[in-house]
Amino acid sequence: MSALAKASGALKSVDYEVFGRVQVGGEVVSVLALIGFSHYFPNQYTEQEAKKLGVVGWVKNTSQGTVTGQVQGPEERVNEMKSWLSKVGSPSSRIDKTKFSNEKEISKLDFSDFNTRY
């Protein structure tokens, strides 16, 4: 069991999908820029926020123009990440909605870090 799991008590896992747009210099681009994976935002905002909060999992662009992923960690930290995914996102983003699914308590983490999948 990781130090994160030992120190935190209850662990939680949740899948997510983010729908929205990002305004870039007068041009509206898809929500893909929310994770910082496009040429518009070289920094990976979702990955940075997850690491700052101490959660693990992954984030990925979809062919439908949304961002999907999974977050795992202490329940309080996962809830903070859910809030960020729903309300904040990257600079200049407009999040229309975020869908959460498969939310459950877990006994151990399936990941050791948070990263971007391609």
N, C-alpha and C. Protein backbone atom coordinates (compact mmCIF):
# COMPACT_ATOMS: atom_id res chain seq x y z
N MET A 1 0.85 -1.19 0.00
CA MET A 1 0.00 0.00 0.00
C MET A 1 0.89 1.23 0.00
N SER A 2 0.53 2.22 -0.80
CA SER A 2 1.35 3.43 -0.91
C SER A 2 1.24 4.30 0.33
N ALA A 3 2.19 5.21 0.49
CA ALA A 3 2.15 6.15 1.61
C ALA A 3 0.89 7.01 1.54
N LEU A 4 0.46 7.35 0.33
CA LEU A 4 -0.76 8.14 0.14
C LEU A 4 -1.96 7.38 0.69
N ALA A 5 -2.06 6.11 0.38
CA ALA A 5 -3.18 5.31 0.84
C ALA A 5 -3.14 5.13 2.35
N LYS A 6 -1.96 4.90 2.91
CA LYS A 6 -1.84 4.71 4.35
C LYS A 6 -2.24 5.95 5.13
N ALA A 7 -1.86 7.10 4.63
CA ALA A 7 -2.08 8.35 5.36
C ALA A 7 -3.49 8.90 5.21
N SER A 8 -4.27 8.35 4.31
CA SER A 8 -5.51 9.01 3.95
C SER A 8 -6.80 8.37 4.44
N GLY A 9 -6.78 7.14 4.84
CA GLY A 9 -8.04 6.49 5.19
C GLY A 9 -8.75 6.01 3.95
N ALA A 10 -10.03 6.35 3.82
CA ALA A 10 -10.86 5.89 2.70
C ALA A 10 -10.34 6.39 1.36
N LEU A 11 -10.24 5.48 0.41
CA LEU A 11 -9.83 5.82 -0.95
C LEU A 11 -11.03 5.77 -1.87
N LYS A 12 -11.02 6.63 -2.86
CA LYS A 12 -12.15 6.76 -3.78
C LYS A 12 -11.63 6.75 -5.21
N SER A 13 -12.45 6.25 -6.12
CA SER A 13 -12.14 6.26 -7.54
C SER A 13 -13.36 6.80 -8.28
N VAL A 14 -13.12 7.62 -9.31
CA VAL A 14 -14.22 8.14 -10.12
C VAL A 14 -13.74 8.37 -11.55
N ASP A 15 -14.59 8.04 -12.51
CA ASP A 15 -14.35 8.34 -13.91
C ASP A 15 -15.02 9.67 -14.23
N TYR A 16 -14.50 10.40 -15.22
CA TYR A 16 -15.09 11.68 -15.59
C TYR A 16 -15.00 11.93 -17.08
N GLU A 17 -15.89 12.82 -17.55
CA GLU A 17 -15.83 13.33 -18.91
C GLU A 17 -16.22 14.80 -18.87
N VAL A 18 -15.38 15.65 -19.45
CA VAL A 18 -15.59 17.10 -19.43
C VAL A 18 -15.99 17.57 -20.82
N PHE A 19 -17.05 18.40 -20.86
CA PHE A 19 -17.57 18.98 -22.10
C PHE A 19 -17.43 20.49 -21.99
N GLY A 20 -16.95 21.16 -23.05
CA GLY A 20 -16.83 22.61 -23.00
C GLY A 20 -15.99 23.18 -24.13
N ARG A 21 -15.58 24.43 -23.94
CA ARG A 21 -14.79 25.16 -24.94
C ARG A 21 -13.73 26.00 -24.24
N VAL A 22 -12.73 26.40 -25.02
CA VAL A 22 -11.68 27.30 -24.53
C VAL A 22 -11.54 28.43 -25.53
N GLN A 23 -11.51 29.67 -25.05
CA GLN A 23 -11.31 30.84 -25.90
C GLN A 23 -9.81 31.12 -25.98
N VAL A 24 -9.28 31.16 -27.19
CA VAL A 24 -7.85 31.40 -27.39
C VAL A 24 -7.70 32.50 -28.43
N GLY A 25 -7.34 33.70 -28.00
CA GLY A 25 -7.12 34.81 -28.92
C GLY A 25 -8.25 35.03 -29.90
N GLY A 26 -9.49 34.98 -29.41
CA GLY A 26 -10.65 35.20 -30.26
C GLY A 26 -11.15 33.96 -30.95
N GLU A 27 -10.39 32.86 -30.88
CA GLU A 27 -10.79 31.61 -31.52
C GLU A 27 -11.30 30.65 -30.45
N VAL A 28 -12.45 30.05 -30.68
CA VAL A 28 -12.99 29.05 -29.76
C VAL A 28 -12.48 27.69 -30.19
N VAL A 29 -11.87 26.97 -29.26
CA VAL A 29 -11.38 25.63 -29.54
C VAL A 29 -12.09 24.66 -28.61
N SER A 30 -12.00 23.39 -28.90
CA SER A 30 -12.71 22.40 -28.09
C SER A 30 -12.10 22.27 -26.70
N VAL A 31 -12.78 21.51 -25.90
CA VAL A 31 -12.37 21.30 -24.51
C VAL A 31 -11.03 20.57 -24.42
N LEU A 32 -10.51 20.08 -25.51
CA LEU A 32 -9.22 19.38 -25.47
C LEU A 32 -8.14 20.24 -24.84
N ALA A 33 -8.25 21.54 -24.99
CA ALA A 33 -7.25 22.43 -24.39
C ALA A 33 -7.38 22.47 -22.87
N LEU A 34 -8.49 21.99 -22.34
CA LEU A 34 -8.66 21.97 -20.88
C LEU A 34 -7.54 21.19 -20.20
N ILE A 35 -7.08 20.13 -20.85
CA ILE A 35 -6.03 19.34 -20.21
C ILE A 35 -4.64 19.82 -20.60
N GLY A 36 -4.57 20.84 -21.44
CA GLY A 36 -3.27 21.36 -21.83
C GLY A 36 -2.56 20.46 -22.81
N PHE A 37 -3.29 19.63 -23.53
CA PHE A 37 -2.68 18.67 -24.43
C PHE A 37 -2.55 19.20 -25.85
N SER A 38 -3.24 20.27 -26.17
CA SER A 38 -3.18 20.79 -27.53
C SER A 38 -2.02 21.76 -27.70
N HIS A 39 -1.82 22.23 -28.94
CA HIS A 39 -0.76 23.20 -29.20
C HIS A 39 -1.10 24.56 -28.60
N TYR A 40 -2.34 24.77 -28.18
CA TYR A 40 -2.73 26.04 -27.58
C TYR A 40 -2.18 26.20 -26.16
N PHE A 41 -2.13 25.12 -25.43
CA PHE A 41 -1.67 25.17 -24.04
C PHE A 41 -0.64 24.07 -23.81
N PRO A 42 0.64 24.38 -23.89
CA PRO A 42 1.65 23.35 -23.73
C PRO A 42 1.70 22.76 -22.32
N ASN A 43 1.27 23.51 -21.32
CA ASN A 43 1.25 22.97 -19.96
C ASN A 43 0.04 22.07 -19.79
N GLN A 44 0.20 21.05 -19.03
CA GLN A 44 -0.88 20.09 -18.82
C GLN A 44 -1.59 20.45 -17.52
N TYR A 45 -2.60 21.29 -17.62
CA TYR A 45 -3.26 21.85 -16.44
C TYR A 45 -3.91 20.79 -15.56
N THR A 46 -4.59 19.83 -16.16
CA THR A 46 -5.25 18.80 -15.36
C THR A 46 -4.22 17.96 -14.62
N GLU A 47 -3.17 17.59 -15.31
CA GLU A 47 -2.11 16.80 -14.70
C GLU A 47 -1.46 17.58 -13.56
N GLN A 48 -1.21 18.86 -13.77
CA GLN A 48 -0.60 19.69 -12.73
C GLN A 48 -1.51 19.79 -11.51
N GLU A 49 -2.80 20.00 -11.72
CA GLU A 49 -3.74 20.13 -10.60
C GLU A 49 -3.84 18.82 -9.84
N ALA A 50 -3.89 17.71 -10.55
CA ALA A 50 -3.96 16.40 -9.90
C ALA A 50 -2.73 16.15 -9.03
N LYS A 51 -1.56 16.47 -9.57
CA LYS A 51 -0.33 16.27 -8.79
C LYS A 51 -0.29 17.20 -7.59
N LYS A 52 -0.78 18.43 -7.75
CA LYS A 52 -0.83 19.38 -6.64
C LYS A 52 -1.73 18.85 -5.52
N LEU A 53 -2.85 18.24 -5.90
CA LEU A 53 -3.79 17.71 -4.92
C LEU A 53 -3.37 16.35 -4.36
N GLY A 54 -2.46 15.69 -5.04
CA GLY A 54 -1.99 14.39 -4.55
C GLY A 54 -2.90 13.23 -4.94
N VAL A 55 -3.59 13.35 -6.10
CA VAL A 55 -4.40 12.24 -6.58
C VAL A 55 -3.68 11.58 -7.76
N VAL A 56 -4.09 10.37 -8.08
CA VAL A 56 -3.49 9.62 -9.19
C VAL A 56 -4.56 9.29 -10.22
N GLY A 57 -4.12 8.88 -11.40
CA GLY A 57 -5.05 8.49 -12.45
C GLY A 57 -4.55 8.92 -13.81
N TRP A 58 -5.48 9.32 -14.68
CA TRP A 58 -5.11 9.67 -16.04
C TRP A 58 -6.14 10.60 -16.66
N VAL A 59 -5.74 11.23 -17.77
CA VAL A 59 -6.59 12.12 -18.55
C VAL A 59 -6.29 11.89 -20.02
N LYS A 60 -7.31 12.03 -20.87
CA LYS A 60 -7.13 11.73 -22.30
C LYS A 60 -8.14 12.51 -23.14
N ASN A 61 -7.72 12.94 -24.32
CA ASN A 61 -8.63 13.52 -25.31
C ASN A 61 -9.46 12.41 -25.93
N THR A 62 -10.71 12.73 -26.28
CA THR A 62 -11.53 11.76 -27.01
C THR A 62 -11.75 12.25 -28.44
N SER A 63 -12.13 11.35 -29.31
CA SER A 63 -12.41 11.73 -30.69
C SER A 63 -13.69 12.56 -30.81
N GLN A 64 -14.50 12.59 -29.75
CA GLN A 64 -15.72 13.40 -29.73
C GLN A 64 -15.46 14.83 -29.27
N GLY A 65 -14.21 15.17 -28.96
CA GLY A 65 -13.87 16.52 -28.55
C GLY A 65 -14.05 16.79 -27.07
N THR A 66 -14.13 15.74 -26.28
CA THR A 66 -14.23 15.89 -24.83
C THR A 66 -12.93 15.42 -24.19
N VAL A 67 -12.86 15.56 -22.89
CA VAL A 67 -11.72 15.07 -22.12
C VAL A 67 -12.27 14.04 -21.14
N THR A 68 -11.62 12.90 -21.07
CA THR A 68 -12.08 11.83 -20.18
C THR A 68 -10.92 11.36 -19.32
N GLY A 69 -11.23 10.71 -18.22
CA GLY A 69 -10.17 10.20 -17.37
C GLY A 69 -10.69 9.54 -16.12
N GLN A 70 -9.76 9.26 -15.23
CA GLN A 70 -10.08 8.64 -13.95
C GLN A 70 -9.21 9.27 -12.88
N VAL A 71 -9.79 9.49 -11.71
CA VAL A 71 -9.08 10.04 -10.56
C VAL A 71 -9.23 9.08 -9.40
N GLN A 72 -8.13 8.84 -8.68
CA GLN A 72 -8.15 8.01 -7.48
C GLN A 72 -7.35 8.68 -6.39
N GLY A 73 -7.77 8.47 -5.15
CA GLY A 73 -7.04 9.00 -4.02
C GLY A 73 -7.94 9.12 -2.81
N PRO A 74 -7.46 9.83 -1.79
CA PRO A 74 -8.27 10.06 -0.60
C PRO A 74 -9.57 10.77 -1.00
N GLU A 75 -10.66 10.39 -0.38
CA GLU A 75 -11.97 10.91 -0.76
C GLU A 75 -12.01 12.44 -0.81
N GLU A 76 -11.46 13.11 0.17
CA GLU A 76 -11.47 14.58 0.20
C GLU A 76 -10.73 15.17 -0.99
N ARG A 77 -9.59 14.58 -1.33
CA ARG A 77 -8.79 15.08 -2.47
C ARG A 77 -9.48 14.81 -3.80
N VAL A 78 -10.10 13.64 -3.93
CA VAL A 78 -10.84 13.33 -5.15
C VAL A 78 -11.99 14.31 -5.32
N ASN A 79 -12.67 14.64 -4.22
CA ASN A 79 -13.76 15.61 -4.29
C ASN A 79 -13.26 16.99 -4.71
N GLU A 80 -12.07 17.38 -4.25
CA GLU A 80 -11.48 18.65 -4.67
C GLU A 80 -11.18 18.64 -6.16
N MET A 81 -10.68 17.51 -6.67
CA MET A 81 -10.38 17.40 -8.10
C MET A 81 -11.67 17.43 -8.91
N LYS A 82 -12.72 16.78 -8.41
CA LYS A 82 -14.02 16.82 -9.09
C LYS A 82 -14.51 18.27 -9.21
N SER A 83 -14.35 19.03 -8.16
CA SER A 83 -14.76 20.43 -8.19
C SER A 83 -13.96 21.21 -9.22
N TRP A 84 -12.65 20.99 -9.27
CA TRP A 84 -11.79 21.67 -10.24
C TRP A 84 -12.20 21.30 -11.67
N LEU A 85 -12.47 20.02 -11.91
CA LEU A 85 -12.87 19.57 -13.24
C LEU A 85 -14.22 20.15 -13.66
N SER A 86 -15.08 20.43 -12.68
CA SER A 86 -16.42 20.93 -12.96
C SER A 86 -16.49 22.44 -13.10
N LYS A 87 -15.60 23.15 -12.38
CA LYS A 87 -15.77 24.60 -12.26
C LYS A 87 -14.59 25.44 -12.73
N VAL A 88 -13.39 24.88 -12.77
CA VAL A 88 -12.20 25.70 -13.02
C VAL A 88 -11.58 25.39 -14.38
N GLY A 89 -10.95 24.25 -14.52
CA GLY A 89 -10.26 23.90 -15.77
C GLY A 89 -9.07 24.80 -16.02
N SER A 90 -8.66 24.85 -17.27
CA SER A 90 -7.50 25.67 -17.63
C SER A 90 -7.92 27.13 -17.76
N PRO A 91 -6.96 28.04 -17.81
CA PRO A 91 -7.28 29.45 -18.03
C PRO A 91 -8.08 29.62 -19.33
N SER A 92 -9.04 30.50 -19.32
CA SER A 92 -9.87 30.83 -20.48
C SER A 92 -10.82 29.70 -20.89
N SER A 93 -11.00 28.70 -20.04
CA SER A 93 -11.90 27.61 -20.41
C SER A 93 -13.33 27.92 -20.00
N ARG A 94 -14.26 27.33 -20.72
CA ARG A 94 -15.67 27.37 -20.35
C ARG A 94 -16.13 25.92 -20.28
N ILE A 95 -16.41 25.47 -19.09
CA ILE A 95 -16.85 24.10 -18.89
C ILE A 95 -18.37 24.08 -18.95
N ASP A 96 -18.93 23.38 -19.93
CA ASP A 96 -20.38 23.28 -20.04
C ASP A 96 -20.95 22.30 -19.04
N LYS A 97 -20.31 21.14 -18.93
CA LYS A 97 -20.74 20.15 -17.95
C LYS A 97 -19.63 19.13 -17.76
N THR A 98 -19.68 18.47 -16.62
CA THR A 98 -18.76 17.36 -16.34
C THR A 98 -19.60 16.20 -15.84
N LYS A 99 -19.44 15.05 -16.45
CA LYS A 99 -20.15 13.84 -16.04
C LYS A 99 -19.20 12.97 -15.23
N PHE A 100 -19.69 12.52 -14.07
CA PHE A 100 -18.92 11.60 -13.23
C PHE A 100 -19.66 10.26 -13.21
N SER A 101 -18.89 9.19 -13.25
CA SER A 101 -19.49 7.85 -13.24
C SER A 101 -18.57 6.88 -12.51
N ASN A 102 -19.10 5.72 -12.20
CA ASN A 102 -18.33 4.65 -11.55
C ASN A 102 -17.65 5.12 -10.27
N GLU A 103 -18.30 6.00 -9.53
CA GLU A 103 -17.72 6.50 -8.28
C GLU A 103 -17.86 5.42 -7.22
N LYS A 104 -16.71 5.07 -6.61
CA LYS A 104 -16.73 3.98 -5.64
C LYS A 104 -15.56 4.07 -4.68
N GLU A 105 -15.72 3.42 -3.55
CA GLU A 105 -14.62 3.29 -2.60
C GLU A 105 -13.75 2.14 -3.07
N ILE A 106 -12.44 2.31 -2.95
CA ILE A 106 -11.50 1.27 -3.37
C ILE A 106 -10.56 0.93 -2.22
N SER A 107 -10.00 -0.26 -2.26
CA SER A 107 -9.10 -0.69 -1.18
C SER A 107 -7.65 -0.32 -1.45
N LYS A 108 -7.30 -0.13 -2.74
CA LYS A 108 -5.94 0.27 -3.09
C LYS A 108 -5.96 1.06 -4.38
N LEU A 109 -4.91 1.84 -4.59
CA LEU A 109 -4.78 2.65 -5.80
C LEU A 109 -4.32 1.77 -6.97
N ASP A 110 -4.88 2.03 -8.15
CA ASP A 110 -4.49 1.30 -9.35
C ASP A 110 -3.34 1.98 -10.09
N PHE A 111 -3.00 3.20 -9.70
CA PHE A 111 -1.97 3.99 -10.38
C PHE A 111 -1.00 4.52 -9.34
N SER A 112 0.21 4.85 -9.79
CA SER A 112 1.21 5.43 -8.89
C SER A 112 1.41 6.91 -9.14
N ASP A 113 0.80 7.44 -10.22
CA ASP A 113 0.99 8.83 -10.60
C ASP A 113 -0.22 9.26 -11.42
N PHE A 114 -0.25 10.53 -11.81
CA PHE A 114 -1.29 11.03 -12.71
C PHE A 114 -0.62 11.41 -14.01
N ASN A 115 -1.14 10.90 -15.15
CA ASN A 115 -0.49 11.23 -16.42
C ASN A 115 -1.49 11.36 -17.55
N THR A 116 -1.00 11.87 -18.66
CA THR A 116 -1.79 12.06 -19.86
C THR A 116 -1.63 10.83 -20.73
N ARG A 117 -2.75 10.28 -21.16
CA ARG A 117 -2.74 9.15 -22.11
C ARG A 117 -2.93 9.69 -23.52
N TYR A 118 -2.33 8.98 -24.48
CA TYR A 118 -2.42 9.42 -25.88
C TYR A 118 -3.15 8.42 -26.72
